[in-house]
Amino acid sequence: MARASAKSVAKPAAKTPTKSPEKAAAPAAAKPSRGTAGALDTPTDLSQGAIAAVSEALNGVLADAFALYLKTKNFHWHVSGPHFRDYHLMFEEQAAEIIGVTDEVAERVRKIGGTTLRSIGHIGKLQHIADNDAPFVSAADMLRELIADNKAMVTSLRAAHDVADEHDDVATESLLENIIDATEKRVWFLFEASRGADSTGH
């Protein structure tokens, strides 16, 4: 009986279960990755306040640029009348100019450490230029509407320029000055094309 007790006492203790390699690696995988928003903070000497203000102004300009681009393309596709070819080609040229600056504006936002537009829905929240979903718009009304929209775009560009100037962001100022000049040129061309047209655009 004594021997049996001794054997039972000498019985080795149960081993503590060890974690599998997969389970051991789990906590490390749960750590935040560089894919978070903080990873988009591009180094810049601008203050956080300047980054926020300039990015907001530029994203508003960008949303309006996309809205104006699509409206100009809409009119390019749907213009009609005896001046069809002239207006069709002019609208196409102007649409190409507008879409051509969107990448520059968006990349400027990223260069200073901000974030920019990500979707059509985002554009819709920020745009000031109204869409036109009418089934028919006369050529004369197309010209008048695009004149007004491009003039409104100049106003927004000047306001964004003031924000950049307030924060000594000279590169953004320079970019916006070039876009203002191109937008004023579109207003000029649209105005001259609209002179002498009757209510049908003839």
C-alpha atoms as a PDB file:
ATOM      1  CA  MET A   1       0.000   0.000   0.000  1.00  0.00           C
ATOM      2  CA  ALA A   2       2.856   2.315   0.874  1.00  0.00           C
ATOM      3  CA  ARG A   3       4.516   1.738  -2.494  1.00  0.00           C
ATOM      4  CA  ALA A   4       1.306   2.583  -4.357  1.00  0.00           C
ATOM      5  CA  SER A   5       1.100   5.898  -2.481  1.00  0.00           C
ATOM      6  CA  ALA A   6       4.680   6.720  -3.286  1.00  0.00           C
ATOM      7  CA  LYS A   7       4.119   6.089  -6.989  1.00  0.00           C
ATOM      8  CA  SER A   8       1.082   8.321  -7.030  1.00  0.00           C
ATOM      9  CA  VAL A   9       3.062  11.118  -5.376  1.00  0.00           C
ATOM     10  CA  ALA A  10       5.901  10.731  -7.856  1.00  0.00           C
ATOM     11  CA  LYS A  11       3.527  11.078 -10.812  1.00  0.00           C
ATOM     12  CA  PRO A  12       4.799  13.918 -13.022  1.00  0.00           C
ATOM     13  CA  ALA A  13       2.764  17.134 -13.062  1.00  0.00           C
ATOM     14  CA  ALA A  14       0.669  17.854 -16.144  1.00  0.00           C
ATOM     15  CA  LYS A  15       2.395  20.081 -18.711  1.00  0.00           C
ATOM     16  CA  THR A  16       1.084  23.615 -19.249  1.00  0.00           C
ATOM     17  CA  PRO A  17      -0.383  23.783 -22.760  1.00  0.00           C
ATOM     18  CA  THR A  18       1.699  25.905 -25.146  1.00  0.00           C
ATOM     19  CA  LYS A  19       0.181  28.359 -27.638  1.00  0.00           C
ATOM     20  CA  SER A  20       0.248  27.450 -31.296  1.00  0.00           C
ATOM     21  CA  PRO A  21       2.300  29.728 -33.587  1.00  0.00           C
ATOM     22  CA  GLU A  22      -0.939  31.038 -35.076  1.00  0.00           C
ATOM     23  CA  LYS A  23      -2.384  32.001 -31.691  1.00  0.00           C
ATOM     24  CA  ALA A  24       0.895  33.492 -30.524  1.00  0.00           C
ATOM     25  CA  ALA A  25       0.974  35.785 -33.566  1.00  0.00           C
ATOM     26  CA  ALA A  26      -2.607  36.973 -33.095  1.00  0.00           C
ATOM     27  CA  PRO A  27      -1.891  39.950 -30.762  1.00  0.00           C
ATOM     28  CA  ALA A  28       0.703  41.373 -33.197  1.00  0.00           C
ATOM     29  CA  ALA A  29      -1.763  41.166 -36.080  1.00  0.00           C
ATOM     30  CA  ALA A  30      -4.302  43.148 -34.059  1.00  0.00           C
ATOM     31  CA  LYS A  31      -2.027  46.207 -33.782  1.00  0.00           C
ATOM     32  CA  PRO A  32      -3.001  49.275 -35.875  1.00  0.00           C
ATOM     33  CA  SER A  33      -1.301  49.322 -39.258  1.00  0.00           C
ATOM     34  CA  ARG A  34       0.084  52.191 -41.307  1.00  0.00           C
ATOM     35  CA  GLY A  35      -3.129  52.042 -43.288  1.00  0.00           C
ATOM     36  CA  THR A  36      -4.820  54.428 -40.830  1.00  0.00           C
ATOM     37  CA  ALA A  37      -5.563  58.069 -41.613  1.00  0.00           C
ATOM     38  CA  GLY A  38      -2.390  59.130 -39.796  1.00  0.00           C
ATOM     39  CA  ALA A  39      -0.343  57.503 -42.528  1.00  0.00           C
ATOM     40  CA  LEU A  40      -1.563  60.207 -44.956  1.00  0.00           C
ATOM     41  CA  ASP A  41       0.046  63.065 -43.024  1.00  0.00           C
ATOM     42  CA  THR A  42       2.478  64.284 -45.671  1.00  0.00           C
ATOM     43  CA  PRO A  43       5.345  66.275 -44.083  1.00  0.00           C
ATOM     44  CA  THR A  44       4.870  70.037 -44.508  1.00  0.00           C
ATOM     45  CA  ASP A  45       5.873  73.246 -42.760  1.00  0.00           C
ATOM     46  CA  LEU A  46       2.273  74.482 -42.794  1.00  0.00           C
ATOM     47  CA  SER A  47       0.424  74.454 -39.479  1.00  0.00           C
ATOM     48  CA  GLN A  48      -2.430  72.023 -38.850  1.00  0.00           C
ATOM     49  CA  GLY A  49      -4.834  74.957 -39.004  1.00  0.00           C
ATOM     50  CA  ALA A  50      -3.459  76.008 -42.397  1.00  0.00           C
ATOM     51  CA  ILE A  51      -3.678  72.453 -43.741  1.00  0.00           C
ATOM     52  CA  ALA A  52      -7.311  72.161 -42.662  1.00  0.00           C
ATOM     53  CA  ALA A  53      -8.347  75.575 -44.020  1.00  0.00           C
ATOM     54  CA  VAL A  54      -6.567  75.303 -47.367  1.00  0.00           C
ATOM     55  CA  SER A  55      -7.687  71.697 -47.899  1.00  0.00           C
ATOM     56  CA  GLU A  56     -11.303  72.647 -47.233  1.00  0.00           C
ATOM     57  CA  ALA A  57     -11.127  75.532 -49.697  1.00  0.00           C
ATOM     58  CA  LEU A  58      -9.440  73.443 -52.390  1.00  0.00           C
ATOM     59  CA  ASN A  59     -11.850  70.534 -51.991  1.00  0.00           C
ATOM     60  CA  GLY A  60     -14.746  72.944 -52.518  1.00  0.00           C
ATOM     61  CA  VAL A  61     -13.083  74.188 -55.706  1.00  0.00           C
ATOM     62  CA  LEU A  62     -12.468  70.594 -56.789  1.00  0.00           C
ATOM     63  CA  ALA A  63     -16.105  69.588 -56.255  1.00  0.00           C
ATOM     64  CA  ASP A  64     -17.254  72.572 -58.331  1.00  0.00           C
ATOM     65  CA  ALA A  65     -14.754  71.702 -61.057  1.00  0.00           C
ATOM     66  CA  PHE A  66     -16.175  68.185 -61.365  1.00  0.00           C
ATOM     67  CA  ALA A  67     -19.754  69.529 -61.381  1.00  0.00           C
ATOM     68  CA  LEU A  68     -18.895  72.113 -64.044  1.00  0.00           C
ATOM     69  CA  TYR A  69     -17.037  69.518 -66.094  1.00  0.00           C
ATOM     70  CA  LEU A  70     -20.018  67.175 -66.180  1.00  0.00           C
ATOM     71  CA  LYS A  71     -22.455  69.973 -67.007  1.00  0.00           C
ATOM     72  CA  THR A  72     -20.207  71.185 -69.837  1.00  0.00           C
ATOM     73  CA  LYS A  73     -20.014  67.618 -71.188  1.00  0.00           C
ATOM     74  CA  ASN A  74     -23.781  67.309 -70.827  1.00  0.00           C
ATOM     75  CA  PHE A  75     -24.242  70.414 -72.978  1.00  0.00           C
ATOM     76  CA  HIS A  76     -21.579  69.164 -75.411  1.00  0.00           C
ATOM     77  CA  TRP A  77     -23.606  65.969 -75.904  1.00  0.00           C
ATOM     78  CA  HIS A  78     -27.043  67.609 -76.089  1.00  0.00           C
ATOM     79  CA  VAL A  79     -26.554  70.946 -77.859  1.00  0.00           C
ATOM     80  CA  SER A  80     -28.616  71.378 -81.039  1.00  0.00           C
ATOM     81  CA  GLY A  81     -29.321  73.986 -83.688  1.00  0.00           C
ATOM     82  CA  PRO A  82     -27.542  75.662 -86.603  1.00  0.00           C
ATOM     83  CA  HIS A  83     -24.488  76.483 -84.447  1.00  0.00           C
ATOM     84  CA  PHE A  84     -24.208  72.873 -83.339  1.00  0.00           C
ATOM     85  CA  ARG A  85     -20.661  72.324 -84.578  1.00  0.00           C
ATOM     86  CA  ASP A  86     -19.255  75.531 -83.065  1.00  0.00           C
ATOM     87  CA  TYR A  87     -20.881  75.011 -79.659  1.00  0.00           C
ATOM     88  CA  HIS A  88     -20.241  71.260 -79.650  1.00  0.00           C
ATOM     89  CA  LEU A  89     -16.504  71.797 -80.197  1.00  0.00           C
ATOM     90  CA  MET A  90     -16.240  74.730 -77.780  1.00  0.00           C
ATOM     91  CA  PHE A  91     -17.958  72.800 -74.986  1.00  0.00           C
ATOM     92  CA  GLU A  92     -15.641  69.852 -75.616  1.00  0.00           C
ATOM     93  CA  GLU A  93     -12.552  72.083 -75.411  1.00  0.00           C
ATOM     94  CA  GLN A  94     -13.764  73.730 -72.225  1.00  0.00           C
ATOM     95  CA  ALA A  95     -14.649  70.408 -70.593  1.00  0.00           C
ATOM     96  CA  ALA A  96     -11.123  69.148 -71.307  1.00  0.00           C
ATOM     97  CA  GLU A  97      -9.645  72.292 -69.698  1.00  0.00           C
ATOM     98  CA  ILE A  98     -11.779  71.863 -66.585  1.00  0.00           C
ATOM     99  CA  ILE A  99     -11.057  68.175 -66.026  1.00  0.00           C
ATOM    100  CA  GLY A 100      -7.393  68.919 -66.703  1.00  0.00           C
ATOM    101  CA  VAL A 101      -7.019  70.974 -63.514  1.00  0.00           C
ATOM    102  CA  THR A 102      -8.765  68.549 -61.150  1.00  0.00           C
ATOM    103  CA  ASP A 103      -5.688  66.393 -60.652  1.00  0.00           C
ATOM    104  CA  GLU A 104      -3.532  69.436 -59.907  1.00  0.00           C
ATOM    105  CA  VAL A 105      -5.974  70.687 -57.268  1.00  0.00           C
ATOM    106  CA  ALA A 106      -6.400  67.263 -55.644  1.00  0.00           C
ATOM    107  CA  GLU A 107      -2.657  66.637 -55.599  1.00  0.00           C
ATOM    108  CA  ARG A 108      -2.065  70.060 -54.036  1.00  0.00           C
ATOM    109  CA  VAL A 109      -4.310  69.002 -51.140  1.00  0.00           C
ATOM    110  CA  ARG A 110      -2.247  65.831 -50.706  1.00  0.00           C
ATOM    111  CA  LYS A 111       1.075  67.685 -50.970  1.00  0.00           C
ATOM    112  CA  ILE A 112       0.213  69.742 -47.888  1.00  0.00           C
ATOM    113  CA  GLY A 113      -0.938  66.723 -45.884  1.00  0.00           C
ATOM    114  CA  GLY A 114      -4.693  67.006 -46.396  1.00  0.00           C
ATOM    115  CA  THR A 115      -7.108  64.475 -47.859  1.00  0.00           C
ATOM    116  CA  THR A 116      -9.291  65.068 -50.881  1.00  0.00           C
ATOM    117  CA  LEU A 117     -12.458  63.820 -52.608  1.00  0.00           C
ATOM    118  CA  ARG A 118     -13.166  60.105 -52.718  1.00  0.00           C
ATOM    119  CA  SER A 119     -16.544  59.675 -54.435  1.00  0.00           C
ATOM    120  CA  ILE A 120     -19.422  61.158 -56.439  1.00  0.00           C
ATOM    121  CA  GLY A 121     -21.310  61.425 -53.153  1.00  0.00           C
ATOM    122  CA  HIS A 122     -18.480  63.476 -51.668  1.00  0.00           C
ATOM    123  CA  ILE A 123     -18.615  65.829 -54.655  1.00  0.00           C
ATOM    124  CA  GLY A 124     -22.374  66.221 -54.204  1.00  0.00           C
ATOM    125  CA  LYS A 125     -21.929  67.297 -50.578  1.00  0.00           C
ATOM    126  CA  LEU A 126     -19.412  70.038 -51.423  1.00  0.00           C
ATOM    127  CA  GLN A 127     -20.420  71.398 -54.843  1.00  0.00           C
ATOM    128  CA  HIS A 128     -21.995  74.845 -55.169  1.00  0.00           C
ATOM    129  CA  ILE A 129     -22.593  74.649 -58.925  1.00  0.00           C
ATOM    130  CA  ALA A 130     -26.042  73.171 -59.532  1.00  0.00           C
ATOM    131  CA  ASP A 131     -26.611  70.234 -61.860  1.00  0.00           C
ATOM    132  CA  ASN A 132     -28.933  70.521 -64.861  1.00  0.00           C
ATOM    133  CA  ASP A 133     -30.990  67.386 -65.527  1.00  0.00           C
ATOM    134  CA  ALA A 134     -33.499  69.035 -67.866  1.00  0.00           C
ATOM    135  CA  PRO A 135     -34.432  66.878 -70.873  1.00  0.00           C
ATOM    136  CA  PHE A 136     -33.898  69.849 -73.199  1.00  0.00           C
ATOM    137  CA  VAL A 137     -31.898  73.078 -72.833  1.00  0.00           C
ATOM    138  CA  SER A 138     -31.699  75.564 -75.689  1.00  0.00           C
ATOM    139  CA  ALA A 139     -28.272  76.526 -76.987  1.00  0.00           C
ATOM    140  CA  ALA A 140     -28.735  80.103 -75.767  1.00  0.00           C
ATOM    141  CA  ASP A 141     -29.635  78.907 -72.267  1.00  0.00           C
ATOM    142  CA  MET A 142     -26.625  76.584 -72.249  1.00  0.00           C
ATOM    143  CA  LEU A 143     -24.337  79.520 -72.978  1.00  0.00           C
ATOM    144  CA  ARG A 144     -25.974  81.726 -70.336  1.00  0.00           C
ATOM    145  CA  GLU A 145     -25.815  78.991 -67.701  1.00  0.00           C
ATOM    146  CA  LEU A 146     -22.183  78.177 -68.371  1.00  0.00           C
ATOM    147  CA  ILE A 147     -21.265  81.881 -68.238  1.00  0.00           C
ATOM    148  CA  ALA A 148     -22.911  82.143 -64.798  1.00  0.00           C
ATOM    149  CA  ASP A 149     -21.327  78.913 -63.548  1.00  0.00           C
ATOM    150  CA  ASN A 150     -17.835  79.846 -64.697  1.00  0.00           C
ATOM    151  CA  LYS A 151     -18.213  83.283 -63.087  1.00  0.00           C
ATOM    152  CA  ALA A 152     -19.288  81.563 -59.853  1.00  0.00           C
ATOM    153  CA  MET A 153     -16.227  79.343 -60.176  1.00  0.00           C
ATOM    154  CA  VAL A 154     -14.005  82.438 -60.376  1.00  0.00           C
ATOM    155  CA  THR A 155     -15.599  83.737 -57.167  1.00  0.00           C
ATOM    156  CA  SER A 156     -14.873  80.431 -55.381  1.00  0.00           C
ATOM    157  CA  LEU A 157     -11.314  80.411 -56.726  1.00  0.00           C
ATOM    158  CA  ARG A 158     -10.692  83.942 -55.445  1.00  0.00           C
ATOM    159  CA  ALA A 159     -12.048  82.970 -52.014  1.00  0.00           C
ATOM    160  CA  ALA A 160      -9.738  79.926 -51.929  1.00  0.00           C
ATOM    161  CA  HIS A 161      -6.856  82.177 -52.993  1.00  0.00           C
ATOM    162  CA  ASP A 162      -7.584  84.453 -50.017  1.00  0.00           C
ATOM    163  CA  VAL A 163      -7.433  81.451 -47.667  1.00  0.00           C
ATOM    164  CA  ALA A 164      -4.091  80.370 -49.128  1.00  0.00           C
ATOM    165  CA  ASP A 165      -2.770  83.933 -48.876  1.00  0.00           C
ATOM    166  CA  GLU A 166      -3.846  84.141 -45.228  1.00  0.00           C
ATOM    167  CA  HIS A 167      -1.689  81.097 -44.469  1.00  0.00           C
ATOM    168  CA  ASP A 168       1.285  82.094 -46.687  1.00  0.00           C
ATOM    169  CA  ASP A 169       0.725  79.090 -48.976  1.00  0.00           C
ATOM    170  CA  VAL A 170       2.273  80.671 -52.051  1.00  0.00           C
ATOM    171  CA  ALA A 171       2.267  77.468 -54.114  1.00  0.00           C
ATOM    172  CA  THR A 172      -1.500  77.113 -53.751  1.00  0.00           C
ATOM    173  CA  GLU A 173      -1.907  80.799 -54.594  1.00  0.00           C
ATOM    174  CA  SER A 174       0.104  80.338 -57.794  1.00  0.00           C
ATOM    175  CA  LEU A 175      -1.927  77.287 -58.819  1.00  0.00           C
ATOM    176  CA  LEU A 176      -5.221  79.083 -58.239  1.00  0.00           C
ATOM    177  CA  GLU A 177      -4.099  82.171 -60.168  1.00  0.00           C
ATOM    178  CA  ASN A 178      -3.532  80.061 -63.275  1.00  0.00           C
ATOM    179  CA  ILE A 179      -6.935  78.395 -62.890  1.00  0.00           C
ATOM    180  CA  ILE A 180      -8.630  81.780 -62.424  1.00  0.00           C
ATOM    181  CA  ASP A 181      -7.084  83.019 -65.682  1.00  0.00           C
ATOM    182  CA  ALA A 182      -8.265  79.914 -67.580  1.00  0.00           C
ATOM    183  CA  THR A 183     -11.766  80.213 -66.095  1.00  0.00           C
ATOM    184  CA  GLU A 184     -12.037  83.882 -67.053  1.00  0.00           C
ATOM    185  CA  LYS A 185     -11.023  82.917 -70.574  1.00  0.00           C
ATOM    186  CA  ARG A 186     -13.935  80.452 -70.721  1.00  0.00           C
ATOM    187  CA  VAL A 187     -16.316  83.210 -69.590  1.00  0.00           C
ATOM    188  CA  TRP A 188     -14.988  85.444 -72.380  1.00  0.00           C
ATOM    189  CA  PHE A 189     -15.457  82.797 -75.082  1.00  0.00           C
ATOM    190  CA  LEU A 190     -18.948  81.864 -73.863  1.00  0.00           C
ATOM    191  CA  PHE A 191     -19.991  85.519 -73.689  1.00  0.00           C
ATOM    192  CA  GLU A 192     -18.795  86.285 -77.205  1.00  0.00           C
ATOM    193  CA  ALA A 193     -20.487  83.151 -78.547  1.00  0.00           C
ATOM    194  CA  SER A 194     -23.765  84.211 -76.937  1.00  0.00           C
ATOM    195  CA  ARG A 195     -23.880  87.715 -78.419  1.00  0.00           C
ATOM    196  CA  GLY A 196     -26.593  88.266 -80.970  1.00  0.00           C
ATOM    197  CA  ALA A 197     -28.224  84.879 -80.357  1.00  0.00           C
ATOM    198  CA  ASP A 198     -32.017  84.774 -80.122  1.00  0.00           C
ATOM    199  CA  SER A 199     -33.962  82.686 -77.586  1.00  0.00           C
ATOM    200  CA  THR A 200     -33.305  79.481 -79.536  1.00  0.00           C
ATOM    201  CA  GLY A 201     -29.565  80.036 -79.892  1.00  0.00           C
ATOM    202  CA  HIS A 202     -29.811  80.730 -83.637  1.00  0.00           C
END
